């Protein structure tokens, strides 16, 4: 089953995406730039931007998302 989510960075910029049934993650920003990654079995995930920079995070039990950027900035969001 595919699940959609939304994210906000530290400047409150909006990102949206989906977690596919096979665990692959697709994310798009306001410029329609593409980020890709995967969900791990423990609810943690990782993804990369178009410059191949690494991001990581987790899905919390309440379906909230925590993401940390390469600069260790905090992003937040929610799985719908």
PDB file of N, CA and C in Angstrom:
ATOM      1  N   UNK A   1       0.837  -1.185   0.000  1.00  0.00           N
ATOM      2  CA  UNK A   1       0.000   0.000   0.000  1.00  0.00           C
ATOM      3  C   UNK A   1       0.881   1.248   0.000  1.00  0.00           C
ATOM      4  N   UNK A   2       0.550   2.178  -0.818  1.00  0.00           N
ATOM      5  CA  UNK A   2       1.286   3.429  -0.921  1.00  0.00           C
ATOM      6  C   UNK A   2       0.788   4.423   0.136  1.00  0.00           C
ATOM      7  N   UNK A   3       1.748   5.117   0.783  1.00  0.00           N
ATOM      8  CA  UNK A   3       1.379   6.117   1.793  1.00  0.00           C
ATOM      9  C   UNK A   3       1.982   7.453   1.411  1.00  0.00           C
ATOM     10  N   UNK A   4       1.183   8.511   1.490  1.00  0.00           N
ATOM     11  CA  UNK A   4       1.651   9.851   1.158  1.00  0.00           C
ATOM     12  C   UNK A   4       2.080  10.568   2.431  1.00  0.00           C
ATOM     13  N   UNK A   5       2.971  11.545   2.267  1.00  0.00           N
ATOM     14  CA  UNK A   5       3.418  12.330   3.413  1.00  0.00           C
ATOM     15  C   UNK A   5       3.788  13.735   2.968  1.00  0.00           C
ATOM     16  N   UNK A   6       3.939  14.602   3.951  1.00  0.00           N
ATOM     17  CA  UNK A   6       4.404  15.958   3.700  1.00  0.00           C
ATOM     18  C   UNK A   6       5.484  16.301   4.711  1.00  0.00           C
ATOM     19  N   UNK A   7       6.421  17.142   4.281  1.00  0.00           N
ATOM     20  CA  UNK A   7       7.552  17.555   5.104  1.00  0.00           C
ATOM     21  C   UNK A   7       7.709  19.064   5.037  1.00  0.00           C
ATOM     22  N   UNK A   8       8.292  19.616   6.090  1.00  0.00           N
ATOM     23  CA  UNK A   8       8.637  21.034   6.128  1.00  0.00           C
ATOM     24  C   UNK A   8      10.059  21.165   6.643  1.00  0.00           C
ATOM     25  N   UNK A   9      10.845  21.994   5.962  1.00  0.00           N
ATOM     26  CA  UNK A   9      12.216  22.209   6.419  1.00  0.00           C
ATOM     27  C   UNK A   9      12.262  23.321   7.461  1.00  0.00           C
ATOM     28  N   UNK A  10      13.459  23.699   7.888  1.00  0.00           N
ATOM     29  CA  UNK A  10      13.585  24.696   8.957  1.00  0.00           C
ATOM     30  C   UNK A  10      13.105  26.076   8.538  1.00  0.00           C
ATOM     31  N   UNK A  11      12.981  26.314   7.220  1.00  0.00           N
ATOM     32  CA  UNK A  11      12.452  27.584   6.709  1.00  0.00           C
ATOM     33  C   UNK A  11      10.983  27.476   6.332  1.00  0.00           C
ATOM     34  N   UNK A  12      10.369  26.373   6.729  1.00  0.00           N
ATOM     35  CA  UNK A  12       8.961  26.087   6.485  1.00  0.00           C
ATOM     36  C   UNK A  12       8.634  25.881   5.002  1.00  0.00           C
ATOM     37  N   UNK A  13       9.636  25.492   4.204  1.00  0.00           N
ATOM     38  CA  UNK A  13       9.386  25.119   2.815  1.00  0.00           C
ATOM     39  C   UNK A  13       8.725  23.753   2.772  1.00  0.00           C
ATOM     40  N   UNK A  14       7.803  23.590   1.868  1.00  0.00           N
ATOM     41  CA  UNK A  14       6.965  22.395   1.772  1.00  0.00           C
ATOM     42  C   UNK A  14       7.568  21.360   0.818  1.00  0.00           C
ATOM     43  N   UNK A  15       7.539  20.103   1.221  1.00  0.00           N
ATOM     44  CA  UNK A  15       7.939  18.953   0.418  1.00  0.00           C
ATOM     45  C   UNK A  15       6.821  17.927   0.528  1.00  0.00           C
ATOM     46  N   UNK A  16       6.634  17.161  -0.514  1.00  0.00           N
ATOM     47  CA  UNK A  16       5.625  16.105  -0.465  1.00  0.00           C
ATOM     48  C   UNK A  16       6.181  14.851  -1.106  1.00  0.00           C
ATOM     49  N   UNK A  17       5.597  13.732  -0.763  1.00  0.00           N
ATOM     50  CA  UNK A  17       6.093  12.496  -1.334  1.00  0.00           C
ATOM     51  C   UNK A  17       5.236  11.311  -0.990  1.00  0.00           C
ATOM     52  N   UNK A  18       5.803  10.144  -1.296  1.00  0.00           N
ATOM     53  CA  UNK A  18       5.090   8.907  -1.012  1.00  0.00           C
ATOM     54  C   UNK A  18       6.077   7.804  -0.691  1.00  0.00           C
ATOM     55  N   UNK A  19       5.599   6.888   0.106  1.00  0.00           N
ATOM     56  CA  UNK A  19       6.322   5.659   0.414  1.00  0.00           C
ATOM     57  C   UNK A  19       5.595   4.558  -0.341  1.00  0.00           C
ATOM     58  N   UNK A  20       6.272   3.945  -1.274  1.00  0.00           N
ATOM     59  CA  UNK A  20       5.648   2.918  -2.094  1.00  0.00           C
ATOM     60  C   UNK A  20       5.591   1.597  -1.343  1.00  0.00           C
ATOM     61  N   UNK A  21       4.807   0.679  -1.848  1.00  0.00           N
ATOM     62  CA  UNK A  21       4.624  -0.630  -1.209  1.00  0.00           C
ATOM     63  C   UNK A  21       5.934  -1.394  -1.061  1.00  0.00           C
ATOM     64  N   UNK A  22       6.878  -1.165  -1.976  1.00  0.00           N
ATOM     65  CA  UNK A  22       8.162  -1.874  -1.903  1.00  0.00           C
ATOM     66  C   UNK A  22       9.179  -1.159  -1.002  1.00  0.00           C
ATOM     67  N   UNK A  23       8.746  -0.063  -0.326  1.00  0.00           N
ATOM     68  CA  UNK A  23       9.615   0.652   0.593  1.00  0.00           C
ATOM     69  C   UNK A  23      10.403   1.785  -0.034  1.00  0.00           C
ATOM     70  N   UNK A  24      10.286   1.973  -1.335  1.00  0.00           N
ATOM     71  CA  UNK A  24      10.981   3.084  -1.976  1.00  0.00           C
ATOM     72  C   UNK A  24      10.280   4.400  -1.639  1.00  0.00           C
ATOM     73  N   UNK A  25      11.081   5.450  -1.496  1.00  0.00           N
ATOM     74  CA  UNK A  25      10.564   6.767  -1.147  1.00  0.00           C
ATOM     75  C   UNK A  25      10.824   7.732  -2.293  1.00  0.00           C
ATOM     76  N   UNK A  26       9.804   8.512  -2.635  1.00  0.00           N
ATOM     77  CA  UNK A  26       9.927   9.586  -3.609  1.00  0.00           C
ATOM     78  C   UNK A  26       9.511  10.876  -2.932  1.00  0.00           C
ATOM     79  N   UNK A  27      10.306  11.927  -3.102  1.00  0.00           N
ATOM     80  CA  UNK A  27      10.014  13.224  -2.499  1.00  0.00           C
ATOM     81  C   UNK A  27      10.219  14.295  -3.565  1.00  0.00           C
ATOM     82  N   UNK A  28       9.368  15.317  -3.542  1.00  0.00           N
ATOM     83  CA  UNK A  28       9.474  16.454  -4.447  1.00  0.00           C
ATOM     84  C   UNK A  28       9.407  17.741  -3.632  1.00  0.00           C
ATOM     85  N   UNK A  29      10.193  18.741  -4.056  1.00  0.00           N
ATOM     86  CA  UNK A  29      10.138  20.033  -3.384  1.00  0.00           C
ATOM     87  C   UNK A  29       9.308  21.008  -4.213  1.00  0.00           C
ATOM     88  N   UNK A  30       9.273  22.271  -3.797  1.00  0.00           N
ATOM     89  CA  UNK A  30       8.428  23.263  -4.482  1.00  0.00           C
ATOM     90  C   UNK A  30       8.897  23.544  -5.905  1.00  0.00           C
ATOM     91  N   UNK A  31      10.163  23.237  -6.214  1.00  0.00           N
ATOM     92  CA  UNK A  31      10.686  23.394  -7.571  1.00  0.00           C
ATOM     93  C   UNK A  31      10.559  22.109  -8.380  1.00  0.00           C
ATOM     94  N   UNK A  32       9.897  21.143  -7.802  1.00  0.00           N
ATOM     95  CA  UNK A  32       9.693  19.823  -8.397  1.00  0.00           C
ATOM     96  C   UNK A  32      10.997  19.046  -8.540  1.00  0.00           C
ATOM     97  N   UNK A  33      12.002  19.371  -7.715  1.00  0.00           N
ATOM     98  CA  UNK A  33      13.225  18.582  -7.668  1.00  0.00           C
ATOM     99  C   UNK A  33      12.922  17.263  -6.970  1.00  0.00           C
ATOM    100  N   UNK A  34      13.564  16.218  -7.431  1.00  0.00           N
ATOM    101  CA  UNK A  34      13.275  14.861  -7.001  1.00  0.00           C
ATOM    102  C   UNK A  34      14.307  14.365  -5.988  1.00  0.00           C
ATOM    103  N   UNK A  35      13.829  13.760  -4.911  1.00  0.00           N
ATOM    104  CA  UNK A  35      14.655  13.091  -3.910  1.00  0.00           C
ATOM    105  C   UNK A  35      14.219  11.631  -3.899  1.00  0.00           C
ATOM    106  N   UNK A  36      15.140  10.719  -3.653  1.00  0.00           N
ATOM    107  CA  UNK A  36      14.788   9.300  -3.674  1.00  0.00           C
ATOM    108  C   UNK A  36      15.441   8.586  -2.495  1.00  0.00           C
ATOM    109  N   UNK A  37      14.829   7.502  -2.065  1.00  0.00           N
ATOM    110  CA  UNK A  37      15.402   6.754  -0.963  1.00  0.00           C
ATOM    111  C   UNK A  37      14.638   5.494  -0.674  1.00  0.00           C
ATOM    112  N   UNK A  38      14.812   5.013   0.574  1.00  0.00           N
ATOM    113  CA  UNK A  38      14.138   3.765   0.942  1.00  0.00           C
ATOM    114  C   UNK A  38      13.815   3.767   2.433  1.00  0.00           C
ATOM    115  N   UNK A  39      12.764   3.032   2.747  1.00  0.00           N
ATOM    116  CA  UNK A  39      12.324   2.810   4.111  1.00  0.00           C
ATOM    117  C   UNK A  39      12.923   1.502   4.595  1.00  0.00           C
ATOM    118  N   UNK A  40      13.466   1.516   5.799  1.00  0.00           N
ATOM    119  CA  UNK A  40      14.020   0.294   6.383  1.00  0.00           C
ATOM    120  C   UNK A  40      12.949  -0.394   7.232  1.00  0.00           C
ATOM    121  N   UNK A  41      13.194  -1.621   7.644  1.00  0.00           N
ATOM    122  CA  UNK A  41      12.207  -2.396   8.399  1.00  0.00           C
ATOM    123  C   UNK A  41      11.887  -1.811   9.764  1.00  0.00           C
ATOM    124  N   UNK A  42      12.791  -1.040  10.347  1.00  0.00           N
ATOM    125  CA  UNK A  42      12.586  -0.519  11.696  1.00  0.00           C
ATOM    126  C   UNK A  42      11.935   0.863  11.724  1.00  0.00           C
ATOM    127  N   UNK A  43      11.390   1.322  10.598  1.00  0.00           N
ATOM    128  CA  UNK A  43      10.740   2.621  10.536  1.00  0.00           C
ATOM    129  C   UNK A  43      11.692   3.766  10.230  1.00  0.00           C
ATOM    130  N   UNK A  44      12.969   3.458  10.146  1.00  0.00           N
ATOM    131  CA  UNK A  44      13.945   4.477   9.767  1.00  0.00           C
ATOM    132  C   UNK A  44      14.022   4.527   8.250  1.00  0.00           C
ATOM    133  N   UNK A  45      14.452   5.658   7.732  1.00  0.00           N
ATOM    134  CA  UNK A  45      14.579   5.797   6.289  1.00  0.00           C
ATOM    135  C   UNK A  45      15.775   6.669   5.951  1.00  0.00           C
ATOM    136  N   UNK A  46      16.152   6.617   4.691  1.00  0.00           N
ATOM    137  CA  UNK A  46      17.237   7.449   4.185  1.00  0.00           C
ATOM    138  C   UNK A  46      16.871   7.857   2.776  1.00  0.00           C
ATOM    139  N   UNK A  47      17.321   9.050   2.390  1.00  0.00           N
ATOM    140  CA  UNK A  47      17.089   9.486   1.023  1.00  0.00           C
ATOM    141  C   UNK A  47      18.181  10.456   0.590  1.00  0.00           C
ATOM    142  N   UNK A  48      18.213  10.712  -0.717  1.00  0.00           N
ATOM    143  CA  UNK A  48      19.256  11.526  -1.333  1.00  0.00           C
ATOM    144  C   UNK A  48      18.624  12.583  -2.234  1.00  0.00           C
ATOM    145  N   UNK A  49      19.249  13.757  -2.289  1.00  0.00           N
ATOM    146  CA  UNK A  49      18.760  14.791  -3.188  1.00  0.00           C
ATOM    147  C   UNK A  49      19.462  14.682  -4.544  1.00  0.00           C
ATOM    148  N   UNK A  50      19.196  15.645  -5.436  1.00  0.00           N
ATOM    149  CA  UNK A  50      19.779  15.567  -6.784  1.00  0.00           C
ATOM    150  C   UNK A  50      21.291  15.733  -6.779  1.00  0.00           C
ATOM    151  N   UNK A  51      21.859  16.279  -5.703  1.00  0.00           N
ATOM    152  CA  UNK A  51      23.317  16.407  -5.567  1.00  0.00           C
ATOM    153  C   UNK A  51      23.925  15.210  -4.841  1.00  0.00           C
ATOM    154  N   UNK A  52      23.091  14.215  -4.564  1.00  0.00           N
ATOM    155  CA  UNK A  52      23.473  12.992  -3.867  1.00  0.00           C
ATOM    156  C   UNK A  52      23.834  13.224  -2.395  1.00  0.00           C
ATOM    157  N   UNK A  53      23.270  14.272  -1.795  1.00  0.00           N
ATOM    158  CA  UNK A  53      23.459  14.520  -0.363  1.00  0.00           C
ATOM    159  C   UNK A  53      22.526  13.594   0.420  1.00  0.00           C
ATOM    160  N   UNK A  54      23.028  13.109   1.526  1.00  0.00           N
ATOM    161  CA  UNK A  54      22.352  12.089   2.342  1.00  0.00           C
ATOM    162  C   UNK A  54      21.483  12.728   3.431  1.00  0.00           C
ATOM    163  N   UNK A  55      20.246  12.270   3.541  1.00  0.00           N
ATOM    164  CA  UNK A  55      19.299  12.662   4.583  1.00  0.00           C
ATOM    165  C   UNK A  55      18.837  11.385   5.276  1.00  0.00           C
ATOM    166  N   UNK A  56      18.482  11.490   6.535  1.00  0.00           N
ATOM    167  CA  UNK A  56      17.979  10.308   7.237  1.00  0.00           C
ATOM    168  C   UNK A  56      16.923  10.721   8.243  1.00  0.00           C
ATOM    169  N   UNK A  57      16.146   9.755   8.686  1.00  0.00           N
ATOM    170  CA  UNK A  57      15.096  10.049   9.649  1.00  0.00           C
ATOM    171  C   UNK A  57      14.348   8.800  10.059  1.00  0.00           C
ATOM    172  N   UNK A  58      13.195   9.057  10.677  1.00  0.00           N
ATOM    173  CA  UNK A  58      12.360   7.935  11.121  1.00  0.00           C
ATOM    174  C   UNK A  58      10.901   8.343  11.152  1.00  0.00           C
ATOM    175  N   UNK A  59      10.057   7.321  11.082  1.00  0.00           N
ATOM    176  CA  UNK A  59       8.617   7.494  11.257  1.00  0.00           C
ATOM    177  C   UNK A  59       8.310   7.126  12.695  1.00  0.00           C
ATOM    178  N   UNK A  60       7.756   8.068  13.432  1.00  0.00           N
ATOM    179  CA  UNK A  60       7.427   7.815  14.828  1.00  0.00           C
ATOM    180  C   UNK A  60       6.088   7.078  14.921  1.00  0.00           C
ATOM    181  N   UNK A  61       5.792   6.471  16.066  1.00  0.00           N
ATOM    182  CA  UNK A  61       4.545   5.697  16.207  1.00  0.00           C
ATOM    183  C   UNK A  61       3.270   6.497  15.892  1.00  0.00           C
ATOM    184  N   UNK A  62       3.303   7.820  16.089  1.00  0.00           N
ATOM    185  CA  UNK A  62       2.126   8.642  15.796  1.00  0.00           C
ATOM    186  C   UNK A  62       2.095   9.129  14.344  1.00  0.00           C
ATOM    187  N   UNK A  63       2.906   8.505  13.482  1.00  0.00           N
ATOM    188  CA  UNK A  63       3.025   8.814  12.058  1.00  0.00           C
ATOM    189  C   UNK A  63       3.686  10.162  11.769  1.00  0.00           C
ATOM    190  N   UNK A  64       4.307  10.753  12.751  1.00  0.00           N
ATOM    191  CA  UNK A  64       5.074  11.970  12.513  1.00  0.00           C
ATOM    192  C   UNK A  64       6.454  11.593  11.991  1.00  0.00           C
ATOM    193  N   UNK A  65       7.008  12.469  11.171  1.00  0.00           N
ATOM    194  CA  UNK A  65       8.318  12.234  10.568  1.00  0.00           C
ATOM    195  C   UNK A  65       9.363  13.149  11.192  1.00  0.00           C
ATOM    196  N   UNK A  66      10.536  12.616  11.402  1.00  0.00           N
ATOM    197  CA  UNK A  66      11.703  13.396  11.804  1.00  0.00           C
ATOM    198  C   UNK A  66      12.754  13.177  10.732  1.00  0.00           C
ATOM    199  N   UNK A  67      13.331  14.260  10.216  1.00  0.00           N
ATOM    200  CA  UNK A  67      14.366  14.167   9.189  1.00  0.00           C
ATOM    201  C   UNK A  67      15.539  15.036   9.601  1.00  0.00           C
ATOM    202  N   UNK A  68      16.735  14.542   9.334  1.00  0.00           N
ATOM    203  CA  UNK A  68      17.951  15.318   9.571  1.00  0.00           C
ATOM    204  C   UNK A  68      18.711  15.446   8.260  1.00  0.00           C
ATOM    205  N   UNK A  69      19.151  16.651   7.965  1.00  0.00           N
ATOM    206  CA  UNK A  69      19.821  16.959   6.711  1.00  0.00           C
ATOM    207  C   UNK A  69      21.329  16.755   6.838  1.00  0.00           C
ATOM    208  N   UNK A  70      22.066  16.888   5.735  1.00  0.00           N
ATOM    209  CA  UNK A  70      23.528  16.783   5.817  1.00  0.00           C
ATOM    210  C   UNK A  70      24.160  17.827   6.746  1.00  0.00           C
ATOM    211  N   UNK A  71      23.460  18.950   6.958  1.00  0.00           N
ATOM    212  CA  UNK A  71      23.951  19.995   7.868  1.00  0.00           C
ATOM    213  C   UNK A  71      23.387  19.820   9.272  1.00  0.00           C
ATOM    214  N   UNK A  72      22.775  18.666   9.535  1.00  0.00           N
ATOM    215  CA  UNK A  72      22.162  18.323  10.815  1.00  0.00           C
ATOM    216  C   UNK A  72      21.004  19.260  11.188  1.00  0.00           C
ATOM    217  N   UNK A  73      20.313  19.770  10.170  1.00  0.00           N
ATOM    218  CA  UNK A  73      19.120  20.565  10.400  1.00  0.00           C
ATOM    219  C   UNK A  73      17.933  19.623  10.555  1.00  0.00           C
ATOM    220  N   UNK A  74      16.968  20.041  11.332  1.00  0.00           N
ATOM    221  CA  UNK A  74      15.792  19.233  11.618  1.00  0.00           C
ATOM    222  C   UNK A  74      14.624  19.623  10.716  1.00  0.00           C
ATOM    223  N   UNK A  75      14.025  18.645  10.064  1.00  0.00           N
ATOM    224  CA  UNK A  75      12.780  18.812   9.316  1.00  0.00           C
ATOM    225  C   UNK A  75      11.716  17.978   9.989  1.00  0.00           C
ATOM    226  N   UNK A  76      10.468  18.316   9.774  1.00  0.00           N
ATOM    227  CA  UNK A  76       9.377  17.566  10.405  1.00  0.00           C
ATOM    228  C   UNK A  76       8.262  17.362   9.385  1.00  0.00           C
ATOM    229  N   UNK A  77       7.407  16.406   9.672  1.00  0.00           N
ATOM    230  CA  UNK A  77       6.303  16.136   8.780  1.00  0.00           C
ATOM    231  C   UNK A  77       5.377  15.084   9.332  1.00  0.00           C
ATOM    232  N   UNK A  78       4.494  14.614   8.457  1.00  0.00           N
ATOM    233  CA  UNK A  78       3.497  13.641   8.879  1.00  0.00           C
ATOM    234  C   UNK A  78       3.113  12.751   7.708  1.00  0.00           C
ATOM    235  N   UNK A  79       2.973  11.465   7.987  1.00  0.00           N
ATOM    236  CA  UNK A  79       2.437  10.514   7.022  1.00  0.00           C
ATOM    237  C   UNK A  79       0.934  10.637   7.070  1.00  0.00           C
ATOM    238  N   UNK A  80       0.314  10.754   5.903  1.00  0.00           N
ATOM    239  CA  UNK A  80      -1.147  10.919   5.847  1.00  0.00           C
ATOM    240  C   UNK A  80      -1.859   9.589   5.905  1.00  0.00           C
TER     241      UNK A  80
END
